[in-house]
């Protein structure tokens, strides 16, 4: 399994494509079937699976077509890394901008 923290943009894209391909194959679907469900071209699915390249919109459409949309809900969720952040989160306060460091 690829460590995203140490990978290049291209490597991460390729790994995501590989994982989507594995999901598609596990569901016994062809690229054409996924493309039709997603409302994208077969070439878009091919590029996503082999090169890891697609627009964000196409990626989300393919993820939805594969029934994996719940996998996206945990992406980029802000997590507290300090007690101060935990306290702020529990108080429901939101910062409007970052501090001037």
Protein backbone atom coordinates (compact mmCIF):
# COMPACT_ATOMS: atom_id res chain seq x y z
CA UNK A 1 0.00 0.00 0.00
CA UNK A 2 1.29 3.42 -0.96
CA UNK A 3 2.18 5.87 1.80
CA UNK A 4 0.51 9.05 0.57
CA UNK A 5 2.68 11.16 2.86
CA UNK A 6 5.77 10.18 0.85
CA UNK A 7 4.21 9.99 -2.61
CA UNK A 8 4.16 12.36 -5.55
CA UNK A 9 0.96 13.80 -6.98
CA UNK A 10 1.19 11.35 -9.88
CA UNK A 11 1.70 8.37 -7.56
CA UNK A 12 -1.30 9.32 -5.43
CA UNK A 13 -3.50 9.72 -8.51
CA UNK A 14 -2.37 6.37 -9.88
CA UNK A 15 -3.04 4.68 -6.55
CA UNK A 16 -6.54 6.14 -6.33
CA UNK A 17 -7.18 4.94 -9.89
CA UNK A 18 -5.90 1.48 -9.01
CA UNK A 19 -8.19 1.32 -5.98
CA UNK A 20 -11.20 2.40 -8.01
CA UNK A 21 -10.38 -0.23 -10.62
CA UNK A 22 -10.21 -2.89 -7.89
CA UNK A 23 -13.62 -1.77 -6.61
CA UNK A 24 -15.06 -1.90 -10.12
CA UNK A 25 -13.70 -5.38 -10.73
CA UNK A 26 -14.97 -6.60 -7.34
CA UNK A 27 -18.43 -5.47 -8.45
CA UNK A 28 -17.95 -7.29 -11.77
CA UNK A 29 -18.53 -4.12 -13.79
CA UNK A 30 -16.92 -3.08 -17.06
CA UNK A 31 -15.45 0.35 -17.61
CA UNK A 32 -18.29 1.03 -20.04
CA UNK A 33 -20.90 0.13 -17.41
CA UNK A 34 -19.31 2.43 -14.82
CA UNK A 35 -19.02 5.20 -17.40
CA UNK A 36 -22.72 4.88 -18.27
CA UNK A 37 -23.75 4.91 -14.61
CA UNK A 38 -21.52 7.89 -13.90
CA UNK A 39 -22.48 9.87 -16.98
CA UNK A 40 -18.87 10.13 -18.17
CA UNK A 41 -17.06 8.66 -21.15
CA UNK A 42 -15.35 5.28 -21.07
CA UNK A 43 -12.10 7.15 -21.76
CA UNK A 44 -12.57 9.14 -18.57
CA UNK A 45 -12.86 5.91 -16.57
CA UNK A 46 -9.81 4.49 -18.38
CA UNK A 47 -7.74 7.60 -17.66
CA UNK A 48 -8.79 7.59 -14.03
CA UNK A 49 -7.95 3.92 -13.55
CA UNK A 50 -4.67 3.84 -15.49
CA UNK A 51 -3.22 7.32 -15.08
CA UNK A 52 -5.08 8.62 -12.05
CA UNK A 53 -6.21 11.62 -14.07
CA UNK A 54 -9.72 13.07 -14.09
CA UNK A 55 -11.53 16.20 -13.07
CA UNK A 56 -12.78 16.32 -9.51
CA UNK A 57 -16.33 16.20 -10.84
CA UNK A 58 -15.62 13.04 -12.88
CA UNK A 59 -13.88 11.41 -9.92
CA UNK A 60 -16.90 12.05 -7.70
CA UNK A 61 -19.27 10.75 -10.39
CA UNK A 62 -17.29 7.50 -10.70
CA UNK A 63 -17.13 7.13 -6.92
CA UNK A 64 -20.90 7.59 -6.76
CA UNK A 65 -21.47 5.12 -9.61
CA UNK A 66 -19.49 2.53 -7.66
CA UNK A 67 -21.53 3.16 -4.51
CA UNK A 68 -18.53 4.50 -2.61
CA UNK A 69 -19.72 8.02 -1.86
CA UNK A 70 -19.66 7.36 1.90
CA UNK A 71 -15.87 6.93 1.58
CA UNK A 72 -15.63 10.65 0.77
CA UNK A 73 -17.29 11.86 3.97
CA UNK A 74 -14.11 11.52 6.05
CA UNK A 75 -11.91 13.48 3.67
CA UNK A 76 -10.43 16.72 4.95
CA UNK A 77 -12.43 16.75 8.18
CA UNK A 78 -10.80 19.22 10.51
CA UNK A 79 -9.31 17.39 13.46
CA UNK A 80 -8.15 19.05 16.63
CA UNK A 81 -4.43 18.69 17.26
CA UNK A 82 -4.18 20.57 20.54
CA UNK A 83 -6.17 21.06 23.73
CA UNK A 84 -6.85 24.66 22.69
CA UNK A 85 -8.36 23.45 19.41
CA UNK A 86 -10.45 20.85 21.25
CA UNK A 87 -11.78 23.51 23.59
CA UNK A 88 -12.58 25.83 20.69
CA UNK A 89 -14.36 23.05 18.82
CA UNK A 90 -16.45 22.08 21.84
CA UNK A 91 -17.40 25.73 22.40
CA UNK A 92 -18.56 25.89 18.78
CA UNK A 93 -16.33 28.83 17.93
CA UNK A 94 -15.01 29.16 14.40
CA UNK A 95 -12.07 31.25 13.31
CA UNK A 96 -12.63 33.59 10.44
CA UNK A 97 -8.98 33.57 9.37
CA UNK A 98 -5.59 32.34 10.42
CA UNK A 99 -3.43 34.21 12.83
CA UNK A 100 -0.63 36.50 11.64
CA UNK A 101 2.55 34.65 12.42
